[in-house]
Protein backbone atom coordinates (compact mmCIF):
# COMPACT_ATOMS: atom_id res chain seq x y z
CA MET A 1 -4.22 8.55 21.57
CA SER A 2 -7.24 10.85 21.37
CA VAL A 3 -10.77 9.45 21.23
CA ALA A 4 -11.27 10.80 17.69
CA LEU A 5 -8.05 9.21 16.43
CA TRP A 6 -8.85 5.96 18.21
CA GLU A 7 -12.25 5.87 16.47
CA ALA A 8 -10.59 6.62 13.13
CA VAL A 9 -8.13 3.76 13.63
CA ALA A 10 -10.98 1.38 14.52
CA ALA A 11 -12.99 2.47 11.47
CA ASN A 12 -9.92 2.06 9.29
CA LYS A 13 -9.43 -1.49 10.55
CA ARG A 14 -13.05 -2.33 9.76
CA ARG A 15 -12.72 -0.93 6.25
CA SER A 16 -9.49 -2.85 5.76
CA THR A 17 -11.11 -6.08 6.91
CA TRP A 18 -13.93 -5.58 4.42
CA LEU A 19 -11.36 -4.80 1.74
CA ILE A 20 -9.62 -8.12 2.33
CA VAL A 21 -12.98 -9.95 2.35
CA LEU A 22 -14.10 -8.35 -0.94
CA LEU A 23 -10.75 -8.99 -2.59
CA GLY A 24 -10.91 -12.57 -1.36
CA LEU A 25 -14.34 -13.01 -2.94
CA LEU A 26 -13.04 -11.59 -6.22
CA LEU A 27 -10.08 -13.97 -6.04
CA ALA A 28 -12.42 -16.92 -5.43
CA GLY A 29 -14.61 -15.85 -8.34
CA MET A 30 -11.63 -15.57 -10.67
CA GLY A 31 -10.31 -18.94 -9.57
CA GLY A 32 -13.70 -20.59 -10.02
CA SER A 33 -14.10 -19.16 -13.51
CA LEU A 34 -10.62 -20.32 -14.41
CA GLY A 35 -11.41 -23.84 -13.18
CA MET A 36 -14.54 -24.06 -15.31
CA LEU A 37 -12.70 -22.78 -18.37
CA MET A 38 -9.94 -25.37 -17.94
CA THR A 39 -12.23 -28.39 -18.30
CA GLY A 40 -15.61 -27.04 -19.29
CA GLU A 41 -17.14 -28.57 -16.17
CA ILE A 42 -18.83 -26.53 -13.46
CA GLU A 43 -17.62 -29.05 -10.88
CA THR A 44 -14.00 -27.95 -11.41
CA ALA A 45 -14.76 -24.45 -10.12
CA PHE A 46 -13.59 -25.50 -6.67
CA PHE A 47 -10.32 -26.74 -8.12
CA GLY A 48 -9.85 -23.33 -9.73
CA MET A 49 -10.52 -21.66 -6.38
CA PHE A 50 -7.88 -23.91 -4.82
CA ILE A 51 -5.38 -22.88 -7.50
CA GLY A 52 -6.16 -19.23 -6.74
CA VAL A 53 -5.51 -19.78 -3.04
CA VAL A 54 -2.22 -21.55 -3.80
CA ILE A 55 -1.04 -18.65 -5.98
CA TRP A 56 -2.07 -16.20 -3.26
CA GLY A 57 -0.21 -18.23 -0.64
CA VAL A 58 3.00 -18.35 -2.67
CA LEU A 59 2.95 -14.60 -3.31
CA LEU A 60 2.22 -13.93 0.37
CA LEU A 61 5.04 -16.23 1.51
CA VAL A 62 7.53 -14.42 -0.71
CA ASN A 63 6.46 -11.08 0.77
CA LEU A 64 6.53 -12.34 4.36
CA ILE A 65 9.99 -13.89 4.08
CA GLY A 66 11.95 -11.20 2.31
CA GLY A 67 9.62 -8.33 1.55
CA GLU A 68 11.29 -5.66 3.69
CA SER A 69 14.85 -6.42 2.59
CA VAL A 70 13.87 -6.53 -1.08
CA LEU A 71 12.10 -3.16 -0.90
CA LEU A 72 14.96 -1.51 0.99
CA SER A 73 17.51 -2.97 -1.39
CA SER A 74 15.56 -1.80 -4.45
CA ALA A 75 15.59 1.73 -3.01
CA ASN A 76 19.37 1.57 -2.41
CA ALA A 77 18.77 2.28 1.28
CA ARG A 78 21.76 2.06 3.62
CA GLU A 79 21.33 1.32 7.32
CA VAL A 80 22.84 3.93 9.64
CA SER A 81 23.60 4.16 13.34
CA HIS A 82 23.19 6.97 15.86
CA ASP A 83 26.74 8.12 15.16
CA ASP A 84 26.04 8.39 11.42
CA ALA A 85 22.86 10.50 11.73
CA PRO A 86 22.30 11.59 15.34
CA GLN A 87 19.42 14.02 14.71
CA LEU A 88 17.49 11.55 12.56
CA TYR A 89 18.12 8.76 15.03
CA ASN A 90 16.92 10.91 17.94
CA ILE A 91 13.75 11.88 16.07
CA VAL A 92 12.96 8.25 15.23
CA GLU A 93 13.45 7.33 18.89
CA GLU A 94 11.18 10.17 20.04
CA MET A 95 8.42 9.21 17.61
CA ARG A 96 8.86 5.53 18.43
CA ILE A 97 8.03 6.36 22.04
CA ALA A 98 5.11 8.58 21.01
CA ALA A 99 3.72 5.81 18.78
CA ALA A 100 4.20 3.22 21.54
CA LEU A 101 6.12 0.87 19.26
CA PRO A 102 7.72 -2.04 21.15
CA ALA A 103 11.18 -1.69 19.59
CA MET A 104 13.41 0.91 17.98
CA PRO A 105 12.97 0.82 14.18
CA ARG A 106 16.02 0.33 12.03
CA VAL A 107 17.03 3.57 10.33
CA PHE A 108 18.11 3.85 6.68
CA ILE A 109 19.28 6.67 4.42
CA ILE A 110 18.82 6.82 0.65
CA GLU A 111 21.51 8.87 -1.08
CA SER A 112 19.22 11.03 -3.22
CA PRO A 113 18.76 14.82 -3.21
CA VAL A 114 14.98 14.40 -3.64
CA PRO A 115 13.21 14.70 -0.26
CA ASN A 116 11.03 11.70 0.60
CA ALA A 117 10.71 8.79 3.02
CA PHE A 118 8.99 5.46 3.52
CA ALA A 119 8.60 2.78 6.16
CA VAL A 120 8.35 -1.00 5.96
CA GLY A 121 7.66 -3.70 8.51
CA LEU A 122 4.89 -6.27 8.65
CA LYS A 123 5.21 -6.24 12.43
CA PRO A 124 6.11 -3.29 14.68
CA GLU A 125 9.12 -5.26 15.93
CA ARG A 126 10.48 -5.36 12.37
CA ALA A 127 9.88 -1.70 11.50
CA CYS A 128 12.34 0.13 9.26
CA VAL A 129 12.33 3.82 8.33
CA ALA A 130 14.17 5.07 5.25
CA VAL A 131 14.67 8.76 4.43
CA THR A 132 16.51 10.41 1.58
CA ARG A 133 19.51 12.67 1.99
CA GLY A 134 17.45 15.45 0.47
CA LEU A 135 14.88 15.12 3.25
CA LEU A 136 17.58 15.55 5.89
CA GLU A 137 19.10 18.56 4.16
CA ARG A 138 15.96 20.48 3.13
CA LEU A 139 13.59 20.05 6.07
CA THR A 140 13.58 21.71 9.46
CA ARG A 141 13.60 19.51 12.52
CA ASP A 142 9.86 19.94 13.05
CA GLU A 143 9.18 19.01 9.43
CA LEU A 144 11.47 15.99 9.60
CA GLN A 145 9.77 14.94 12.81
CA GLY A 146 6.39 15.18 11.09
CA VAL A 147 7.49 12.93 8.22
CA VAL A 148 9.00 10.33 10.57
CA ALA A 149 5.83 10.42 12.68
CA HIS A 150 3.74 9.85 9.54
CA GLU A 151 5.80 6.81 8.59
CA LEU A 152 5.68 5.35 12.10
CA GLY A 153 1.94 6.03 12.05
CA HIS A 154 1.72 3.53 9.19
CA ILE A 155 3.56 0.98 11.32
CA ALA A 156 1.48 1.64 14.45
CA ASN A 157 -1.77 1.37 12.48
CA ARG A 158 -0.58 -1.90 10.85
CA ASP A 159 -0.97 -0.34 7.42
CA THR A 160 2.01 -2.24 6.05
CA LEU A 161 0.50 -5.59 6.99
CA PHE A 162 -2.97 -4.80 5.63
CA MET A 163 -1.69 -3.30 2.39
CA THR A 164 0.67 -6.25 1.88
CA LEU A 165 -2.25 -8.66 2.22
CA ALA A 166 -4.37 -6.50 -0.09
CA GLY A 167 -1.54 -6.06 -2.59
CA VAL A 168 -0.82 -9.78 -2.73
CA THR A 169 -4.52 -10.54 -3.24
CA LEU A 170 -4.73 -7.90 -5.96
CA GLY A 171 -1.66 -9.39 -7.63
CA ALA A 172 -3.20 -12.87 -7.58
CA ILE A 173 -6.45 -11.53 -9.07
CA VAL A 174 -4.58 -9.77 -11.89
CA LEU A 175 -2.54 -12.91 -12.59
CA LEU A 176 -5.63 -15.15 -12.71
CA ALA A 177 -7.47 -12.62 -14.87
CA ASP A 178 -4.61 -12.60 -17.36
CA VAL A 179 -4.63 -16.40 -17.52
CA GLY A 180 -8.42 -16.40 -17.91
CA ILE A 181 -8.34 -13.95 -20.82
CA ARG A 182 -5.68 -16.02 -22.57
CA MET A 183 -7.76 -19.17 -22.09
CA VAL A 184 -10.87 -17.52 -23.53
CA PHE A 185 -9.08 -16.43 -26.70
CA TRP A 186 -6.44 -19.14 -27.18
CA GLY A 187 -7.48 -22.10 -25.06
CA GLY A 188 -10.27 -24.51 -25.76
CA GLY A 189 -9.22 -28.15 -25.39
CA GLY A 190 -11.27 -28.97 -22.33
CA ARG A 191 -14.13 -26.68 -23.32
CA GLN A 192 -14.40 -28.20 -26.79
CA ARG A 193 -14.43 -31.77 -25.45
CA SER A 194 -17.13 -30.81 -22.93
CA SER A 195 -19.22 -29.18 -25.65
CA ARG A 196 -19.03 -32.27 -27.86
CA ARG A 197 -20.08 -34.52 -24.97
CA GLN A 198 -23.02 -32.33 -24.04
CA GLY A 199 -24.22 -31.53 -27.55
CA GLY A 200 -25.57 -28.19 -28.72
CA GLY A 201 -26.97 -27.23 -25.35
CA GLY A 202 -23.57 -27.74 -23.79
CA GLY A 203 -22.00 -25.53 -26.43
CA ALA A 204 -24.44 -22.72 -25.69
CA ALA A 205 -23.81 -23.05 -21.97
CA MET A 206 -20.06 -22.97 -22.56
CA ALA A 207 -20.38 -19.86 -24.72
CA ILE A 208 -22.25 -18.12 -21.90
CA MET A 209 -19.61 -19.30 -19.44
CA MET A 210 -16.85 -17.87 -21.63
CA VAL A 211 -18.60 -14.49 -21.85
CA VAL A 212 -19.09 -14.38 -18.08
CA ALA A 213 -15.48 -15.41 -17.47
CA LEU A 214 -14.23 -12.76 -19.90
CA LEU A 215 -16.29 -10.04 -18.23
CA LEU A 216 -15.06 -11.16 -14.81
CA ALA A 217 -11.46 -11.21 -16.03
CA ILE A 218 -11.81 -7.63 -17.28
CA LEU A 219 -13.86 -6.14 -14.45
CA ALA A 220 -12.47 -7.98 -11.40
CA PRO A 221 -8.95 -6.47 -11.62
CA LEU A 222 -10.44 -3.02 -12.25
CA PHE A 223 -12.76 -3.25 -9.25
CA ALA A 224 -9.98 -4.73 -7.10
CA ARG A 225 -7.64 -1.86 -7.98
CA LEU A 226 -10.31 0.72 -7.14
CA LEU A 227 -10.83 -0.90 -3.72
CA TYR A 228 -7.10 -1.13 -3.08
CA PHE A 229 -6.31 2.46 -4.01
CA ALA A 230 -9.28 3.87 -2.10
CA CYS A 231 -8.12 2.05 1.04
CA SER A 232 -4.55 3.26 0.48
CA ARG A 233 -5.68 6.90 0.26
CA GLN A 234 -7.66 6.62 3.50
CA ARG A 235 -4.65 5.12 5.25
CA GLU A 236 -2.53 8.10 4.18
CA TYR A 237 -5.04 10.45 5.81
CA LEU A 238 -4.97 8.34 8.96
CA ALA A 239 -1.17 8.30 9.06
CA ASP A 240 -1.24 12.11 8.76
CA ALA A 241 -3.65 12.29 11.70
CA SER A 242 -1.44 9.91 13.67
CA ALA A 243 1.58 12.12 12.98
CA ALA A 244 -0.34 15.15 14.23
CA GLN A 245 -1.18 13.21 17.39
CA PHE A 246 2.41 12.03 17.96
CA THR A 247 4.06 15.41 17.38
CA ARG A 248 1.24 17.71 18.61
CA TYR A 249 2.33 19.97 15.75
CA PRO A 250 0.43 19.23 12.49
CA ALA A 251 2.01 22.23 10.75
CA GLY A 252 5.35 20.42 10.80
CA LEU A 253 4.12 17.65 8.51
CA ALA A 254 2.12 20.14 6.43
CA GLY A 255 5.28 22.14 5.75
CA ALA A 256 7.18 18.98 4.90
CA LEU A 257 4.52 17.83 2.42
CA ARG A 258 4.55 21.24 0.78
CA LYS A 259 8.31 20.97 0.20
CA ILE A 260 8.34 17.30 -0.77
CA ALA A 261 5.53 17.62 -3.33
CA GLY A 262 7.32 20.39 -5.18
CA MET A 263 10.66 18.61 -5.43
CA GLN A 264 9.88 15.16 -6.83
CA ASP A 265 12.15 14.06 -9.67
CA SER A 266 12.03 10.42 -10.74
CA LYS A 267 15.40 10.81 -12.47
CA GLN A 268 17.14 11.73 -9.20
CA LEU A 269 15.04 9.34 -7.09
CA PRO A 270 14.68 6.24 -9.27
CA VAL A 271 11.93 4.05 -7.85
CA ASN A 272 9.93 1.10 -9.13
CA ARG A 273 6.16 0.91 -8.98
CA ALA A 274 6.26 -1.55 -6.09
CA VAL A 275 8.01 0.93 -3.77
CA ALA A 276 6.52 4.22 -5.01
CA PRO A 277 3.17 3.88 -3.14
CA MET A 278 5.04 3.50 0.15
CA TYR A 279 6.67 6.93 0.07
CA ALA A 280 5.27 9.87 2.04
CA VAL A 281 4.49 11.46 -1.34
CA ASN A 282 4.26 9.15 -4.36
CA PRO A 283 7.25 10.19 -6.52
CA LEU A 284 5.60 8.82 -9.69
CA ALA A 285 2.37 10.81 -9.31
CA ALA A 286 1.80 14.37 -10.51
CA ALA A 287 2.02 16.87 -7.66
CA GLY A 288 -1.34 17.53 -6.05
CA SER A 289 -3.22 15.38 -8.55
CA ALA A 290 -6.51 13.71 -7.69
CA ASN A 291 -6.89 10.27 -9.22
CA ILE A 292 -9.18 7.36 -8.39
CA PHE A 293 -6.25 5.09 -9.22
CA GLY A 294 -3.87 7.12 -7.04
CA THR A 295 -2.29 5.56 -3.96
CA HIS A 296 -2.15 8.94 -2.20
CA PRO A 297 -4.75 11.69 -1.76
CA PRO A 298 -4.01 15.10 -3.31
CA THR A 299 -1.20 16.70 -1.33
CA THR A 300 -3.11 19.98 -1.18
CA GLU A 301 -6.00 18.24 0.58
CA ARG A 302 -3.64 16.54 3.01
CA ILE A 303 -2.10 19.91 3.86
CA ARG A 304 -5.52 21.50 4.27
CA ARG A 305 -6.63 18.83 6.74
CA LEU A 306 -3.41 19.15 8.71
CA MET A 307 -3.80 22.91 9.00
CA VAL A 308 -7.36 22.42 10.27
CA MET A 309 -5.89 20.14 12.94
CA GLN A 310 -3.24 22.77 13.67
CA ASN A 311 -5.88 25.39 14.34
CA GLU A 312 -7.62 22.98 16.71
CA THR A 313 -4.43 22.09 18.61
CA PRO A 314 -4.42 23.87 22.01
CA GLU A 315 -0.71 24.47 22.24
CA ALA A 316 1.58 24.04 19.29
CA PRO A 317 5.21 23.74 20.41
CA PRO A 318 7.76 26.21 19.07
CA ALA A 319 10.28 25.08 16.51
CA ASN A 320 12.82 22.75 18.08
CA PRO A 321 16.47 23.72 17.83
CA ALA A 322 18.66 21.52 15.68
CA GLN A 323 20.24 18.63 17.52
């Protein structure tokens, strides 16, 4: 791994750590607000925080136990052996060695004519790579190698683990925010009893608390999503850089992205919103679009950066013959 890429990986890990910390603070804030709204007592804020942590833990446990199999099943991915897809299997093995992964990833094929791919695996030992039939049929070997390298770059950089943690925390924040909004507009038992006990001053304090809780319930999910998507876009850039490092041929991935972006069709590659952000190119996003709520950077910008890397690469290998 080059010094520049190593520094980028380290910086990415620091940003990801801060992302988890900030999302955790938002989750604690939402839980605390929910606790106060439940009883009208400030002292119950810690109970609300505990409830938030419990919800986060349950969501995380579900993802840790069966996350990979659920995602692969939802994409209709079928596991294949070397005999079923020798060229793909060889490429995955080559890139596994280049990425220094400890074990050979499991290989899957999705029977769709739309070219795309994604990888899952909370640990490198559990890595899985899924590619569509269209990717195998439409890409050259160098382009296919670039896409596989990009996906294994996510695994090597522990993107799947970080984004799972971030996604679970975001989900818990959204869930708590929804409950909080419902309590503000339709709840009131505990708050009304507290107001009567405390008199007029208590009622004014509770009104302020409700306004603050409502603002937090509206703004916290928005801010959390912005943080999550910004981190996701940076990780896509880093996975592209990792692929360039593994293959020593950035133009391969650039060519693949150019083809993939122009061939997305959600009717021929049906995906749900949980899986879509994991693909090399988000099949639910407009081609080349720039969006602060986008999980991927604009494809044109990704290609531009890769071609800059290509021009800086000392020796780009010639196209490999089909195997």
